[in-house]
Amino acid sequence: QVQLQESGPGLVKPSQTLSLACAVSGGSITTNLYYWTWIRQPPGKGLEFVGHITHSGNTYYIPSLKSRTSISRDTSKNQFTLQLRSVTPEDTAVYYCARLVVTVEAVYLDIWGQGTLVTVSS
């Protein structure tokens, strides 16, 4: 059974880089049909899609974060990572990794990590 687990520092100082890893167990991140995504939820706000990396390593980031975001993968560790540079307190959120299923019939998120709170504060 596929499981996702976020990890990384819970506190980041303004202007520094937020770095998180998502460990995937029970399945390979290179398997066709799946993209690997980062989603965040600021306190009191809704979910916000950040970006994804495909099974072949292609990336996508939402326009508002594109200039500061990098998603990469380490196939030897079967994990993918998020780097968000030049963070501000507005980047404080619970960060989730999740699997995106991409088929001809439908596109949807089916498996989520438990989420990890990252606070940006000095």
N, C-alpha and C. Protein backbone atom coordinates (compact mmCIF):
# COMPACT_ATOMS: atom_id res chain seq x y z
N GLN A 1 0.84 -1.18 0.00
CA GLN A 1 0.00 0.00 0.00
C GLN A 1 0.89 1.24 0.00
N VAL A 2 0.61 2.17 -0.88
CA VAL A 2 1.42 3.37 -1.02
C VAL A 2 1.15 4.32 0.14
N GLN A 3 2.24 4.83 0.71
CA GLN A 3 2.14 5.82 1.78
C GLN A 3 3.13 6.94 1.51
N LEU A 4 2.76 8.15 1.92
CA LEU A 4 3.60 9.33 1.77
C LEU A 4 3.84 9.95 3.13
N GLN A 5 5.07 10.42 3.35
CA GLN A 5 5.44 10.99 4.63
C GLN A 5 6.31 12.23 4.43
N GLU A 6 5.83 13.37 4.90
CA GLU A 6 6.60 14.61 4.81
C GLU A 6 7.62 14.68 5.94
N SER A 7 8.73 15.35 5.69
CA SER A 7 9.72 15.58 6.73
C SER A 7 10.51 16.85 6.41
N GLY A 8 11.01 17.48 7.46
CA GLY A 8 11.80 18.69 7.31
C GLY A 8 11.63 19.59 8.52
N PRO A 9 12.40 20.66 8.57
CA PRO A 9 12.32 21.58 9.71
C PRO A 9 10.95 22.22 9.84
N GLY A 10 10.52 22.39 11.08
CA GLY A 10 9.24 23.02 11.34
C GLY A 10 9.31 24.53 11.48
N LEU A 11 10.51 25.07 11.53
CA LEU A 11 10.70 26.50 11.69
C LEU A 11 11.76 26.99 10.72
N VAL A 12 11.42 28.01 9.96
CA VAL A 12 12.34 28.60 8.99
C VAL A 12 12.33 30.11 9.18
N LYS A 13 13.48 30.72 9.10
CA LYS A 13 13.57 32.15 9.26
C LYS A 13 13.26 32.88 7.95
N PRO A 14 12.67 34.07 8.05
CA PRO A 14 12.39 34.84 6.83
C PRO A 14 13.64 35.03 5.98
N SER A 15 13.45 34.98 4.68
CA SER A 15 14.47 35.11 3.64
C SER A 15 15.23 33.82 3.39
N GLN A 16 15.06 32.83 4.25
CA GLN A 16 15.75 31.56 4.05
C GLN A 16 14.93 30.63 3.16
N THR A 17 15.43 29.42 2.96
CA THR A 17 14.79 28.45 2.09
C THR A 17 14.07 27.38 2.90
N LEU A 18 12.81 27.18 2.57
CA LEU A 18 12.03 26.10 3.14
C LEU A 18 12.31 24.83 2.35
N SER A 19 12.74 23.78 3.03
CA SER A 19 13.07 22.52 2.37
C SER A 19 12.33 21.38 3.03
N LEU A 20 11.60 20.63 2.24
CA LEU A 20 10.85 19.48 2.72
C LEU A 20 11.08 18.29 1.81
N ALA A 21 10.98 17.11 2.38
CA ALA A 21 11.07 15.88 1.61
C ALA A 21 9.81 15.06 1.81
N CYS A 22 9.44 14.33 0.80
CA CYS A 22 8.30 13.42 0.88
C CYS A 22 8.79 12.03 0.52
N ALA A 23 8.80 11.16 1.50
CA ALA A 23 9.20 9.77 1.29
C ALA A 23 8.01 8.95 0.84
N VAL A 24 8.20 8.21 -0.23
CA VAL A 24 7.14 7.39 -0.80
C VAL A 24 7.49 5.93 -0.57
N SER A 25 6.60 5.21 0.04
CA SER A 25 6.78 3.78 0.26
C SER A 25 5.64 3.01 -0.38
N GLY A 26 5.91 1.78 -0.77
CA GLY A 26 4.89 0.93 -1.35
C GLY A 26 4.69 1.11 -2.84
N GLY A 27 5.44 1.99 -3.47
CA GLY A 27 5.34 2.22 -4.89
C GLY A 27 6.46 3.12 -5.36
N SER A 28 6.76 3.07 -6.63
CA SER A 28 7.87 3.84 -7.20
C SER A 28 7.39 5.18 -7.73
N ILE A 29 8.18 6.23 -7.49
CA ILE A 29 7.83 7.54 -8.00
C ILE A 29 8.04 7.66 -9.50
N THR A 30 8.62 6.65 -10.11
CA THR A 30 8.81 6.65 -11.56
C THR A 30 7.71 5.89 -12.30
N THR A 31 6.75 5.38 -11.58
CA THR A 31 5.66 4.63 -12.21
C THR A 31 4.77 5.54 -13.04
N ASN A 32 4.45 5.12 -14.25
CA ASN A 32 3.54 5.88 -15.09
C ASN A 32 2.17 6.04 -14.44
N LEU A 33 1.48 7.09 -14.84
CA LEU A 33 0.13 7.44 -14.39
C LEU A 33 0.10 8.32 -13.15
N TYR A 34 1.24 8.49 -12.48
CA TYR A 34 1.25 9.26 -11.25
C TYR A 34 2.17 10.47 -11.33
N TYR A 35 1.67 11.60 -10.83
CA TYR A 35 2.47 12.77 -10.58
C TYR A 35 2.56 12.97 -9.07
N TRP A 36 3.58 13.66 -8.64
CA TRP A 36 3.83 13.85 -7.21
C TRP A 36 3.78 15.33 -6.89
N THR A 37 2.91 15.69 -5.95
CA THR A 37 2.54 17.09 -5.76
C THR A 37 2.84 17.60 -4.36
N TRP A 38 2.95 18.92 -4.26
CA TRP A 38 2.99 19.62 -2.99
C TRP A 38 1.79 20.56 -2.90
N ILE A 39 1.14 20.53 -1.76
CA ILE A 39 -0.04 21.35 -1.47
C ILE A 39 0.14 21.95 -0.09
N ARG A 40 -0.32 23.16 0.10
CA ARG A 40 -0.18 23.78 1.42
C ARG A 40 -1.48 24.43 1.86
N GLN A 41 -1.59 24.62 3.18
CA GLN A 41 -2.77 25.23 3.77
C GLN A 41 -2.33 26.20 4.86
N PRO A 42 -2.35 27.50 4.57
CA PRO A 42 -2.03 28.48 5.61
C PRO A 42 -3.07 28.45 6.72
N PRO A 43 -2.71 28.89 7.92
CA PRO A 43 -3.67 28.89 9.02
C PRO A 43 -4.93 29.66 8.67
N GLY A 44 -6.08 29.02 8.87
CA GLY A 44 -7.35 29.66 8.62
C GLY A 44 -7.72 29.82 7.17
N LYS A 45 -6.94 29.26 6.26
CA LYS A 45 -7.21 29.39 4.84
C LYS A 45 -7.39 28.04 4.18
N GLY A 46 -7.71 28.07 2.92
CA GLY A 46 -7.95 26.85 2.18
C GLY A 46 -6.67 26.24 1.62
N LEU A 47 -6.85 25.12 0.96
CA LEU A 47 -5.73 24.42 0.35
C LEU A 47 -5.25 25.15 -0.89
N GLU A 48 -3.94 25.16 -1.08
CA GLU A 48 -3.34 25.79 -2.24
C GLU A 48 -2.37 24.82 -2.89
N PHE A 49 -2.59 24.52 -4.14
CA PHE A 49 -1.67 23.67 -4.90
C PHE A 49 -0.39 24.45 -5.17
N VAL A 50 0.75 23.83 -4.94
CA VAL A 50 2.04 24.48 -5.12
C VAL A 50 2.69 24.07 -6.44
N GLY A 51 2.75 22.79 -6.68
CA GLY A 51 3.36 22.30 -7.90
C GLY A 51 3.48 20.79 -7.89
N HIS A 52 4.06 20.25 -8.95
CA HIS A 52 4.24 18.80 -9.01
C HIS A 52 5.45 18.42 -9.84
N ILE A 53 5.85 17.19 -9.69
CA ILE A 53 6.87 16.59 -10.53
C ILE A 53 6.29 15.29 -11.07
N THR A 54 6.50 15.03 -12.34
CA THR A 54 5.93 13.85 -12.97
C THR A 54 6.80 12.62 -12.73
N HIS A 55 6.30 11.50 -13.18
CA HIS A 55 7.05 10.25 -13.05
C HIS A 55 8.35 10.27 -13.84
N SER A 56 8.44 11.16 -14.83
CA SER A 56 9.64 11.25 -15.64
C SER A 56 10.52 12.44 -15.27
N GLY A 57 10.11 13.23 -14.27
CA GLY A 57 10.93 14.32 -13.78
C GLY A 57 10.56 15.71 -14.26
N ASN A 58 9.52 15.86 -15.05
CA ASN A 58 9.06 17.17 -15.47
C ASN A 58 8.35 17.86 -14.32
N THR A 59 8.49 19.18 -14.24
CA THR A 59 7.92 19.93 -13.12
C THR A 59 6.94 20.98 -13.57
N TYR A 60 6.06 21.34 -12.65
CA TYR A 60 5.12 22.43 -12.84
C TYR A 60 4.95 23.15 -11.51
N TYR A 61 4.90 24.50 -11.57
CA TYR A 61 4.66 25.31 -10.40
C TYR A 61 3.58 26.34 -10.71
N ILE A 62 2.77 26.67 -9.74
CA ILE A 62 1.76 27.70 -9.97
C ILE A 62 2.47 29.03 -10.21
N PRO A 63 1.87 29.89 -11.04
CA PRO A 63 2.56 31.13 -11.41
C PRO A 63 2.98 32.00 -10.23
N SER A 64 2.19 32.06 -9.19
CA SER A 64 2.50 32.93 -8.06
C SER A 64 3.73 32.49 -7.27
N LEU A 65 4.11 31.24 -7.40
CA LEU A 65 5.25 30.71 -6.67
C LEU A 65 6.38 30.23 -7.56
N LYS A 66 6.18 30.28 -8.86
CA LYS A 66 7.13 29.70 -9.79
C LYS A 66 8.56 30.21 -9.61
N SER A 67 8.71 31.50 -9.38
CA SER A 67 10.04 32.08 -9.29
C SER A 67 10.80 31.65 -8.04
N ARG A 68 10.10 31.14 -7.04
CA ARG A 68 10.73 30.77 -5.78
C ARG A 68 10.75 29.28 -5.51
N THR A 69 10.15 28.49 -6.37
CA THR A 69 9.90 27.08 -6.07
C THR A 69 10.74 26.14 -6.93
N SER A 70 11.21 25.09 -6.30
CA SER A 70 11.87 24.00 -7.01
C SER A 70 11.40 22.68 -6.43
N ILE A 71 10.95 21.80 -7.29
CA ILE A 71 10.60 20.44 -6.89
C ILE A 71 11.54 19.50 -7.62
N SER A 72 12.11 18.59 -6.88
CA SER A 72 13.03 17.63 -7.47
C SER A 72 12.75 16.25 -6.91
N ARG A 73 13.45 15.28 -7.45
CA ARG A 73 13.25 13.91 -6.98
C ARG A 73 14.58 13.19 -6.82
N ASP A 74 14.57 12.21 -5.96
CA ASP A 74 15.71 11.34 -5.75
C ASP A 74 15.20 9.92 -5.90
N THR A 75 15.39 9.35 -7.07
CA THR A 75 14.83 8.03 -7.34
C THR A 75 15.49 6.94 -6.50
N SER A 76 16.75 7.14 -6.12
CA SER A 76 17.43 6.15 -5.29
C SER A 76 16.81 6.05 -3.91
N LYS A 77 16.26 7.15 -3.42
CA LYS A 77 15.59 7.17 -2.13
C LYS A 77 14.07 7.09 -2.27
N ASN A 78 13.58 7.10 -3.50
CA ASN A 78 12.15 7.08 -3.78
C ASN A 78 11.44 8.21 -3.03
N GLN A 79 11.97 9.41 -3.16
CA GLN A 79 11.37 10.55 -2.52
C GLN A 79 11.44 11.76 -3.44
N PHE A 80 10.61 12.74 -3.17
CA PHE A 80 10.69 14.00 -3.88
C PHE A 80 10.70 15.14 -2.88
N THR A 81 11.24 16.28 -3.30
CA THR A 81 11.52 17.37 -2.37
C THR A 81 10.91 18.67 -2.85
N LEU A 82 10.72 19.56 -1.90
CA LEU A 82 10.25 20.91 -2.16
C LEU A 82 11.25 21.90 -1.60
N GLN A 83 11.61 22.88 -2.39
CA GLN A 83 12.39 24.01 -1.93
C GLN A 83 11.64 25.29 -2.28
N LEU A 84 11.37 26.09 -1.27
CA LEU A 84 10.71 27.37 -1.45
C LEU A 84 11.64 28.44 -0.90
N ARG A 85 12.17 29.24 -1.79
CA ARG A 85 13.19 30.22 -1.44
C ARG A 85 12.59 31.55 -0.99
N SER A 86 13.41 32.33 -0.29
CA SER A 86 13.04 33.68 0.13
C SER A 86 11.69 33.72 0.83
N VAL A 87 11.52 32.89 1.82
CA VAL A 87 10.22 32.76 2.47
C VAL A 87 9.91 33.97 3.34
N THR A 88 8.62 34.19 3.53
CA THR A 88 8.09 35.22 4.40
C THR A 88 7.07 34.57 5.33
N PRO A 89 6.60 35.30 6.35
CA PRO A 89 5.57 34.73 7.22
C PRO A 89 4.32 34.25 6.48
N GLU A 90 4.05 34.81 5.30
CA GLU A 90 2.89 34.37 4.52
C GLU A 90 3.05 32.95 3.99
N ASP A 91 4.25 32.43 4.04
CA ASP A 91 4.49 31.05 3.62
C ASP A 91 4.24 30.05 4.75
N THR A 92 3.94 30.54 5.94
CA THR A 92 3.59 29.64 7.04
C THR A 92 2.35 28.84 6.67
N ALA A 93 2.45 27.52 6.79
CA ALA A 93 1.34 26.67 6.39
C ALA A 93 1.63 25.24 6.79
N VAL A 94 0.58 24.43 6.75
CA VAL A 94 0.76 22.99 6.77
C VAL A 94 1.04 22.55 5.34
N TYR A 95 2.13 21.88 5.15
CA TYR A 95 2.54 21.44 3.82
C TYR A 95 2.27 19.95 3.68
N TYR A 96 1.58 19.60 2.60
CA TYR A 96 1.26 18.22 2.30
C TYR A 96 1.93 17.78 1.01
N CYS A 97 2.35 16.55 0.96
CA CYS A 97 2.65 15.93 -0.31
C CYS A 97 1.52 14.96 -0.64
N ALA A 98 1.28 14.77 -1.92
CA ALA A 98 0.17 13.94 -2.35
C ALA A 98 0.44 13.37 -3.73
N ARG A 99 -0.19 12.25 -4.02
CA ARG A 99 -0.07 11.62 -5.33
C ARG A 99 -1.23 12.04 -6.22
N LEU A 100 -0.92 12.39 -7.45
CA LEU A 100 -1.91 12.77 -8.44
C LEU A 100 -2.03 11.65 -9.46
N VAL A 101 -3.23 11.15 -9.62
CA VAL A 101 -3.50 10.12 -10.61
C VAL A 101 -3.90 10.80 -11.91
N VAL A 102 -3.23 10.45 -12.99
CA VAL A 102 -3.49 11.05 -14.29
C VAL A 102 -3.81 9.95 -15.29
N THR A 103 -5.06 9.87 -15.67
CA THR A 103 -5.51 8.89 -16.65
C THR A 103 -6.36 9.60 -17.70
N VAL A 104 -6.71 8.87 -18.75
CA VAL A 104 -7.59 9.43 -19.77
C VAL A 104 -8.95 9.78 -19.17
N GLU A 105 -9.41 8.98 -18.23
CA GLU A 105 -10.74 9.14 -17.68
C GLU A 105 -10.85 10.22 -16.61
N ALA A 106 -9.79 10.42 -15.83
CA ALA A 106 -9.88 11.34 -14.71
C ALA A 106 -8.50 11.76 -14.21
N VAL A 107 -8.47 12.89 -13.52
CA VAL A 107 -7.28 13.39 -12.86
C VAL A 107 -7.67 13.75 -11.44
N TYR A 108 -7.02 13.13 -10.46
CA TYR A 108 -7.42 13.36 -9.08
C TYR A 108 -6.30 12.98 -8.12
N LEU A 109 -6.36 13.56 -6.92
CA LEU A 109 -5.44 13.25 -5.84
C LEU A 109 -6.00 12.08 -5.04
N ASP A 110 -5.23 11.04 -4.90
CA ASP A 110 -5.76 9.87 -4.22
C ASP A 110 -5.07 9.51 -2.91
N ILE A 111 -3.82 9.87 -2.74
CA ILE A 111 -3.09 9.54 -1.52
C ILE A 111 -2.35 10.77 -1.02
N TRP A 112 -2.51 11.05 0.26
CA TRP A 112 -1.91 12.23 0.89
C TRP A 112 -1.00 11.83 2.04
N GLY A 113 0.03 12.63 2.28
CA GLY A 113 0.76 12.53 3.52
C GLY A 113 -0.04 13.17 4.64
N GLN A 114 0.44 13.03 5.86
CA GLN A 114 -0.29 13.58 7.00
C GLN A 114 -0.14 15.09 7.13
N GLY A 115 0.83 15.66 6.47
CA GLY A 115 1.08 17.09 6.52
C GLY A 115 2.07 17.45 7.61
N THR A 116 2.80 18.52 7.39
CA THR A 116 3.73 19.02 8.39
C THR A 116 3.65 20.54 8.44
N LEU A 117 3.56 21.08 9.64
CA LEU A 117 3.47 22.52 9.82
C LEU A 117 4.85 23.14 9.71
N VAL A 118 4.96 24.14 8.86
CA VAL A 118 6.19 24.92 8.73
C VAL A 118 5.87 26.36 9.08
N THR A 119 6.54 26.87 10.08
CA THR A 119 6.34 28.23 10.53
C THR A 119 7.52 29.09 10.09
N VAL A 120 7.22 30.20 9.44
CA VAL A 120 8.25 31.15 9.03
C VAL A 120 8.22 32.30 10.02
N SER A 121 9.26 32.40 10.80
CA SER A 121 9.31 33.42 11.85
C SER A 121 10.75 33.63 12.28
N SER A 122 11.04 34.86 12.69
CA SER A 122 12.34 35.17 13.23
C SER A 122 12.37 35.05 14.74
